[in-house]
Amino acid sequence: MIKKTALFLLCCYLFSATELSQFLKLPVLISHYLEHKQQQEDLSLWGFLCIHYANGDVHDSDYLQDMKLPFKTCSNQGHGEKPLNMRLAESLVPEDMVTEYLPPRLGYYKFMETAALRGSIWQPPKLS
């Protein structure tokens, strides 16, 4: 019973927190392939996949149906929230300071950089 419960909870987690739920759209992929196969007799599965996944999003007559295919859109909406430490850091910055965001880097969060403080730490001491 414990193994079944653990497996159930693991499946619930994987389908809700990852993109594993995209595999549930495989019947849509198969039916869309069969529609294309009726229009073009010589279309292979590889050719179909190249048309829909390798060439970007082509805005053709069946664009809305193409967007229902697996891995065409991101269905995992649970990770759009900023981490708590970023929200706390932003709340500590005074409102009158100008802030700008660095462009995102692969594998990193967007880090806030304040224009007024950038480089001021490395300035030589000033005589008053």
N, C-alpha and C. Protein backbone atom coordinates (compact mmCIF):
# COMPACT_ATOMS: atom_id res chain seq x y z
N MET A 1 0.82 -1.20 0.00
CA MET A 1 0.00 0.00 0.00
C MET A 1 0.87 1.26 0.00
N ILE A 2 1.98 1.21 0.75
CA ILE A 2 2.86 2.38 0.81
C ILE A 2 3.52 2.64 -0.54
N LYS A 3 3.88 1.57 -1.26
CA LYS A 3 4.50 1.74 -2.58
C LYS A 3 3.51 2.37 -3.56
N LYS A 4 2.26 1.93 -3.51
CA LYS A 4 1.25 2.50 -4.41
C LYS A 4 0.99 3.97 -4.09
N THR A 5 0.97 4.30 -2.81
CA THR A 5 0.77 5.70 -2.41
C THR A 5 1.95 6.55 -2.84
N ALA A 6 3.16 6.03 -2.66
CA ALA A 6 4.36 6.77 -3.07
C ALA A 6 4.39 6.97 -4.59
N LEU A 7 4.01 5.94 -5.33
CA LEU A 7 3.97 6.05 -6.79
C LEU A 7 2.91 7.06 -7.23
N PHE A 8 1.76 7.04 -6.57
CA PHE A 8 0.72 8.01 -6.89
C PHE A 8 1.17 9.43 -6.61
N LEU A 9 1.80 9.67 -5.47
CA LEU A 9 2.28 11.01 -5.14
C LEU A 9 3.39 11.45 -6.08
N LEU A 10 4.26 10.53 -6.47
CA LEU A 10 5.32 10.86 -7.43
C LEU A 10 4.72 11.25 -8.77
N CYS A 11 3.72 10.51 -9.22
CA CYS A 11 3.06 10.85 -10.49
C CYS A 11 2.36 12.20 -10.40
N CYS A 12 1.69 12.45 -9.29
CA CYS A 12 1.04 13.75 -9.11
C CYS A 12 2.05 14.88 -9.17
N TYR A 13 3.18 14.70 -8.53
CA TYR A 13 4.22 15.73 -8.54
C TYR A 13 4.77 15.92 -9.95
N LEU A 14 5.12 14.83 -10.62
CA LEU A 14 5.74 14.94 -11.94
C LEU A 14 4.81 15.57 -12.96
N PHE A 15 3.52 15.26 -12.89
CA PHE A 15 2.59 15.82 -13.86
C PHE A 15 2.21 17.26 -13.54
N SER A 16 2.38 17.69 -12.30
CA SER A 16 2.00 19.06 -11.96
C SER A 16 3.19 20.01 -11.94
N ALA A 17 4.36 19.55 -11.57
CA ALA A 17 5.51 20.44 -11.41
C ALA A 17 6.49 20.39 -12.56
N THR A 18 6.34 19.44 -13.48
CA THR A 18 7.23 19.34 -14.62
C THR A 18 6.40 19.36 -15.90
N GLU A 19 7.06 19.29 -17.01
CA GLU A 19 6.37 19.28 -18.30
C GLU A 19 6.02 17.87 -18.76
N LEU A 20 6.03 16.92 -17.85
CA LEU A 20 5.66 15.55 -18.19
C LEU A 20 4.22 15.46 -18.68
N SER A 21 3.39 16.38 -18.27
CA SER A 21 1.99 16.37 -18.71
C SER A 21 1.86 16.61 -20.22
N GLN A 22 2.91 17.10 -20.85
CA GLN A 22 2.87 17.30 -22.30
C GLN A 22 2.68 15.98 -23.04
N PHE A 23 3.13 14.88 -22.44
CA PHE A 23 2.98 13.58 -23.10
C PHE A 23 1.53 13.15 -23.16
N LEU A 24 0.66 13.78 -22.38
CA LEU A 24 -0.76 13.48 -22.47
C LEU A 24 -1.36 14.03 -23.76
N LYS A 25 -0.63 14.89 -24.45
CA LYS A 25 -1.09 15.46 -25.72
C LYS A 25 -0.68 14.63 -26.93
N LEU A 26 -0.10 13.46 -26.71
CA LEU A 26 0.32 12.63 -27.83
C LEU A 26 -0.83 12.23 -28.76
N PRO A 27 -2.04 11.95 -28.26
CA PRO A 27 -3.13 11.67 -29.21
C PRO A 27 -3.43 12.84 -30.15
N VAL A 28 -3.25 14.06 -29.68
CA VAL A 28 -3.43 15.24 -30.54
C VAL A 28 -2.37 15.25 -31.63
N LEU A 29 -1.14 14.89 -31.26
CA LEU A 29 -0.04 14.82 -32.23
C LEU A 29 -0.34 13.78 -33.31
N ILE A 30 -0.83 12.62 -32.89
CA ILE A 30 -1.11 11.55 -33.85
C ILE A 30 -2.25 11.94 -34.79
N SER A 31 -3.31 12.51 -34.25
CA SER A 31 -4.43 12.90 -35.11
C SER A 31 -4.04 14.03 -36.07
N HIS A 32 -3.22 14.95 -35.61
CA HIS A 32 -2.77 16.04 -36.49
C HIS A 32 -1.85 15.50 -37.58
N TYR A 33 -1.04 14.52 -37.23
CA TYR A 33 -0.18 13.89 -38.24
C TYR A 33 -1.03 13.19 -39.30
N LEU A 34 -2.08 12.50 -38.87
CA LEU A 34 -2.94 11.80 -39.82
C LEU A 34 -3.67 12.78 -40.74
N GLU A 35 -4.04 13.96 -40.22
CA GLU A 35 -4.65 14.99 -41.07
C GLU A 35 -3.67 15.46 -42.14
N HIS A 36 -2.41 15.69 -41.73
CA HIS A 36 -1.40 16.11 -42.70
C HIS A 36 -1.12 14.99 -43.70
N LYS A 37 -1.16 13.75 -43.23
CA LYS A 37 -0.90 12.60 -44.09
C LYS A 37 -1.98 12.47 -45.17
N GLN A 38 -3.23 12.83 -44.85
CA GLN A 38 -4.29 12.82 -45.86
C GLN A 38 -4.07 13.88 -46.93
N GLN A 39 -3.51 15.02 -46.52
CA GLN A 39 -3.25 16.10 -47.48
C GLN A 39 -2.03 15.82 -48.33
N GLN A 40 -0.99 15.23 -47.72
CA GLN A 40 0.24 14.89 -48.42
C GLN A 40 0.52 13.41 -48.20
N GLU A 41 0.39 12.62 -49.24
CA GLU A 41 0.57 11.17 -49.11
C GLU A 41 2.01 10.78 -48.77
N ASP A 42 2.98 11.53 -49.28
CA ASP A 42 4.38 11.15 -49.10
C ASP A 42 5.02 11.77 -47.84
N LEU A 43 4.24 12.34 -46.95
CA LEU A 43 4.77 12.96 -45.74
C LEU A 43 5.13 11.90 -44.71
N SER A 44 6.38 11.91 -44.27
CA SER A 44 6.81 10.96 -43.24
C SER A 44 6.62 11.59 -41.86
N LEU A 45 6.71 10.76 -40.84
CA LEU A 45 6.60 11.26 -39.47
C LEU A 45 7.74 12.24 -39.18
N TRP A 46 8.94 11.92 -39.66
CA TRP A 46 10.08 12.81 -39.46
C TRP A 46 9.85 14.15 -40.14
N GLY A 47 9.30 14.13 -41.35
CA GLY A 47 9.00 15.37 -42.06
C GLY A 47 7.96 16.20 -41.33
N PHE A 48 6.94 15.52 -40.78
CA PHE A 48 5.90 16.20 -40.00
C PHE A 48 6.51 16.87 -38.77
N LEU A 49 7.37 16.15 -38.06
CA LEU A 49 8.02 16.71 -36.87
C LEU A 49 8.93 17.89 -37.23
N CYS A 50 9.61 17.78 -38.36
CA CYS A 50 10.47 18.90 -38.80
C CYS A 50 9.65 20.13 -39.14
N ILE A 51 8.50 19.93 -39.79
CA ILE A 51 7.63 21.06 -40.14
C ILE A 51 7.15 21.78 -38.88
N HIS A 52 6.75 21.03 -37.87
CA HIS A 52 6.11 21.62 -36.71
C HIS A 52 7.06 22.00 -35.58
N TYR A 53 8.25 21.43 -35.54
CA TYR A 53 9.14 21.70 -34.41
C TYR A 53 10.48 22.32 -34.81
N ALA A 54 10.97 22.05 -36.01
CA ALA A 54 12.30 22.53 -36.38
C ALA A 54 12.28 23.90 -37.06
N ASN A 55 11.15 24.31 -37.60
CA ASN A 55 11.09 25.55 -38.38
C ASN A 55 10.46 26.70 -37.62
N GLY A 56 10.32 26.60 -36.32
CA GLY A 56 9.70 27.68 -35.56
C GLY A 56 8.18 27.64 -35.70
N ASP A 57 7.54 28.68 -35.23
CA ASP A 57 6.08 28.76 -35.29
C ASP A 57 5.66 29.42 -36.59
N VAL A 58 5.14 28.62 -37.49
CA VAL A 58 4.67 29.12 -38.78
C VAL A 58 3.19 29.47 -38.63
N HIS A 59 2.82 30.70 -38.93
CA HIS A 59 1.43 31.15 -38.81
C HIS A 59 0.68 30.80 -40.10
N ASP A 60 0.22 29.56 -40.16
CA ASP A 60 -0.54 29.11 -41.32
C ASP A 60 -2.00 28.90 -40.94
N SER A 61 -2.76 28.23 -41.78
CA SER A 61 -4.20 28.11 -41.54
C SER A 61 -4.53 27.26 -40.32
N ASP A 62 -3.67 26.33 -39.94
CA ASP A 62 -3.94 25.49 -38.76
C ASP A 62 -3.03 25.83 -37.59
N TYR A 63 -2.72 27.11 -37.45
CA TYR A 63 -1.81 27.56 -36.40
C TYR A 63 -2.36 27.25 -35.00
N LEU A 64 -3.65 27.47 -34.77
CA LEU A 64 -4.23 27.20 -33.45
C LEU A 64 -4.17 25.72 -33.11
N GLN A 65 -4.34 24.88 -34.11
CA GLN A 65 -4.23 23.44 -33.87
C GLN A 65 -2.78 23.04 -33.65
N ASP A 66 -1.86 23.71 -34.32
CA ASP A 66 -0.43 23.43 -34.11
C ASP A 66 0.00 23.75 -32.69
N MET A 67 -0.58 24.79 -32.10
CA MET A 67 -0.21 25.19 -30.75
C MET A 67 -0.73 24.22 -29.68
N LYS A 68 -1.62 23.32 -30.06
CA LYS A 68 -2.13 22.30 -29.13
C LYS A 68 -1.24 21.07 -29.10
N LEU A 69 -0.22 21.03 -29.97
CA LEU A 69 0.69 19.88 -30.00
C LEU A 69 1.58 19.88 -28.76
N PRO A 70 2.12 18.71 -28.40
CA PRO A 70 2.98 18.65 -27.22
C PRO A 70 4.25 19.49 -27.40
N PHE A 71 4.67 20.12 -26.34
CA PHE A 71 5.89 20.91 -26.25
C PHE A 71 5.90 22.12 -27.18
N LYS A 72 4.74 22.60 -27.59
CA LYS A 72 4.67 23.84 -28.37
C LYS A 72 4.44 25.04 -27.47
N THR A 73 3.77 24.81 -26.35
CA THR A 73 3.54 25.88 -25.38
C THR A 73 3.93 25.36 -24.01
N CYS A 74 4.18 26.27 -23.12
CA CYS A 74 4.53 25.91 -21.75
C CYS A 74 3.26 25.88 -20.92
N SER A 75 2.93 24.71 -20.41
CA SER A 75 1.70 24.60 -19.63
C SER A 75 1.95 24.71 -18.14
N ASN A 76 3.20 24.72 -17.73
CA ASN A 76 3.52 24.77 -16.30
C ASN A 76 3.56 26.23 -15.86
N GLN A 77 2.50 26.69 -15.23
CA GLN A 77 2.39 28.08 -14.83
C GLN A 77 2.74 28.31 -13.37
N GLY A 78 3.15 27.29 -12.66
CA GLY A 78 3.38 27.41 -11.23
C GLY A 78 4.67 28.07 -10.84
N HIS A 79 5.59 28.29 -11.77
CA HIS A 79 6.89 28.81 -11.42
C HIS A 79 7.09 30.26 -11.85
N GLY A 80 6.01 31.01 -12.01
CA GLY A 80 6.12 32.39 -12.44
C GLY A 80 6.36 33.36 -11.29
N GLU A 81 6.28 32.89 -10.09
CA GLU A 81 6.45 33.73 -8.91
C GLU A 81 7.93 33.98 -8.65
N LYS A 82 8.25 35.19 -8.23
CA LYS A 82 9.63 35.50 -7.87
C LYS A 82 9.98 34.82 -6.56
N PRO A 83 11.22 34.43 -6.39
CA PRO A 83 11.61 33.86 -5.10
C PRO A 83 11.47 34.89 -3.99
N LEU A 84 11.30 34.41 -2.78
CA LEU A 84 11.06 35.28 -1.64
C LEU A 84 12.22 36.26 -1.42
N ASN A 85 13.45 35.79 -1.60
CA ASN A 85 14.59 36.69 -1.36
C ASN A 85 14.63 37.83 -2.36
N MET A 86 14.15 37.61 -3.61
CA MET A 86 14.11 38.71 -4.59
C MET A 86 13.04 39.72 -4.20
N ARG A 87 11.89 39.25 -3.72
CA ARG A 87 10.83 40.17 -3.32
C ARG A 87 11.27 40.99 -2.11
N LEU A 88 11.99 40.36 -1.16
CA LEU A 88 12.47 41.09 0.01
C LEU A 88 13.53 42.11 -0.39
N ALA A 89 14.42 41.73 -1.31
CA ALA A 89 15.46 42.65 -1.75
C ALA A 89 14.85 43.86 -2.45
N GLU A 90 13.82 43.65 -3.25
CA GLU A 90 13.18 44.76 -3.95
C GLU A 90 12.44 45.68 -2.97
N SER A 91 11.91 45.11 -1.89
CA SER A 91 11.19 45.94 -0.93
C SER A 91 12.13 46.80 -0.10
N LEU A 92 13.41 46.45 -0.04
CA LEU A 92 14.38 47.23 0.74
C LEU A 92 14.92 48.42 -0.04
N VAL A 93 14.75 48.44 -1.35
CA VAL A 93 15.26 49.54 -2.17
C VAL A 93 14.30 50.71 -2.05
N PRO A 94 14.81 51.90 -1.74
CA PRO A 94 13.92 53.07 -1.67
C PRO A 94 13.25 53.32 -3.02
N GLU A 95 12.03 53.85 -2.97
CA GLU A 95 11.25 54.05 -4.19
C GLU A 95 11.84 55.11 -5.11
N ASP A 96 12.57 56.07 -4.55
CA ASP A 96 13.09 57.14 -5.39
C ASP A 96 14.34 56.74 -6.16
N MET A 97 14.92 55.59 -5.85
CA MET A 97 16.11 55.14 -6.58
C MET A 97 15.68 54.51 -7.90
N VAL A 98 16.43 54.79 -8.93
CA VAL A 98 16.15 54.22 -10.24
C VAL A 98 16.71 52.81 -10.26
N THR A 99 15.89 51.88 -10.66
CA THR A 99 16.38 50.50 -10.75
C THR A 99 16.29 50.03 -12.18
N GLU A 100 17.18 49.16 -12.54
CA GLU A 100 17.15 48.56 -13.86
C GLU A 100 17.45 47.07 -13.69
N TYR A 101 16.97 46.30 -14.62
CA TYR A 101 17.16 44.86 -14.55
C TYR A 101 18.19 44.44 -15.60
N LEU A 102 19.10 43.58 -15.18
CA LEU A 102 20.06 43.03 -16.13
C LEU A 102 19.35 42.01 -17.01
N PRO A 103 19.79 41.84 -18.24
CA PRO A 103 19.16 40.82 -19.08
C PRO A 103 19.41 39.44 -18.47
N PRO A 104 18.45 38.53 -18.59
CA PRO A 104 18.61 37.22 -17.97
C PRO A 104 19.73 36.42 -18.62
N ARG A 105 20.46 35.69 -17.80
CA ARG A 105 21.50 34.80 -18.30
C ARG A 105 20.98 33.38 -18.17
N LEU A 106 21.52 32.50 -18.96
CA LEU A 106 21.07 31.11 -18.90
C LEU A 106 21.37 30.53 -17.52
N GLY A 107 20.36 29.99 -16.90
CA GLY A 107 20.53 29.34 -15.62
C GLY A 107 20.52 30.27 -14.43
N TYR A 108 20.27 31.56 -14.63
CA TYR A 108 20.27 32.51 -13.53
C TYR A 108 18.94 33.25 -13.48
N TYR A 109 18.57 33.72 -12.31
CA TYR A 109 17.42 34.60 -12.17
C TYR A 109 17.82 35.98 -12.65
N LYS A 110 16.83 36.81 -12.89
CA LYS A 110 17.11 38.21 -13.20
C LYS A 110 17.51 38.89 -11.90
N PHE A 111 18.68 39.46 -11.86
CA PHE A 111 19.14 40.14 -10.66
C PHE A 111 18.94 41.64 -10.82
N MET A 112 18.47 42.25 -9.77
CA MET A 112 18.22 43.68 -9.81
C MET A 112 19.53 44.41 -9.53
N GLU A 113 19.80 45.41 -10.31
CA GLU A 113 20.98 46.23 -10.09
C GLU A 113 20.52 47.68 -10.01
N THR A 114 20.91 48.36 -8.98
CA THR A 114 20.51 49.74 -8.78
C THR A 114 21.53 50.65 -9.46
N ALA A 115 21.04 51.55 -10.29
CA ALA A 115 21.92 52.42 -11.05
C ALA A 115 22.71 53.35 -10.13
N ALA A 116 22.10 53.78 -9.03
CA ALA A 116 22.77 54.71 -8.13
C ALA A 116 23.91 54.04 -7.36
N LEU A 117 23.82 52.75 -7.12
CA LEU A 117 24.84 52.07 -6.32
C LEU A 117 25.87 51.33 -7.15
N ARG A 118 25.65 51.21 -8.43
CA ARG A 118 26.55 50.44 -9.26
C ARG A 118 27.95 51.06 -9.25
N GLY A 119 28.93 50.32 -8.82
CA GLY A 119 30.31 50.76 -8.83
C GLY A 119 30.69 51.68 -7.68
N SER A 120 29.75 52.15 -6.86
CA SER A 120 30.09 53.09 -5.81
C SER A 120 30.91 52.44 -4.71
N ILE A 121 30.82 51.17 -4.58
CA ILE A 121 31.58 50.49 -3.53
C ILE A 121 33.08 50.49 -3.83
N TRP A 122 33.43 50.54 -5.10
CA TRP A 122 34.82 50.44 -5.49
C TRP A 122 35.47 51.81 -5.73
N GLN A 123 34.80 52.89 -5.35
CA GLN A 123 35.39 54.21 -5.51
C GLN A 123 36.40 54.47 -4.40
N PRO A 124 37.44 55.24 -4.69
CA PRO A 124 38.41 55.56 -3.64
C PRO A 124 37.77 56.47 -2.59
N PRO A 125 38.29 56.45 -1.38
CA PRO A 125 37.72 57.32 -0.35
C PRO A 125 37.86 58.79 -0.74
N LYS A 126 36.88 59.56 -0.34
CA LYS A 126 36.88 60.99 -0.67
C LYS A 126 37.11 61.78 0.61
N LEU A 127 37.91 62.80 0.48
CA LEU A 127 38.15 63.69 1.64
C LEU A 127 37.00 64.66 1.75
N SER A 128 36.55 64.88 2.97
CA SER A 128 35.45 65.81 3.13
C SER A 128 35.90 67.18 3.55
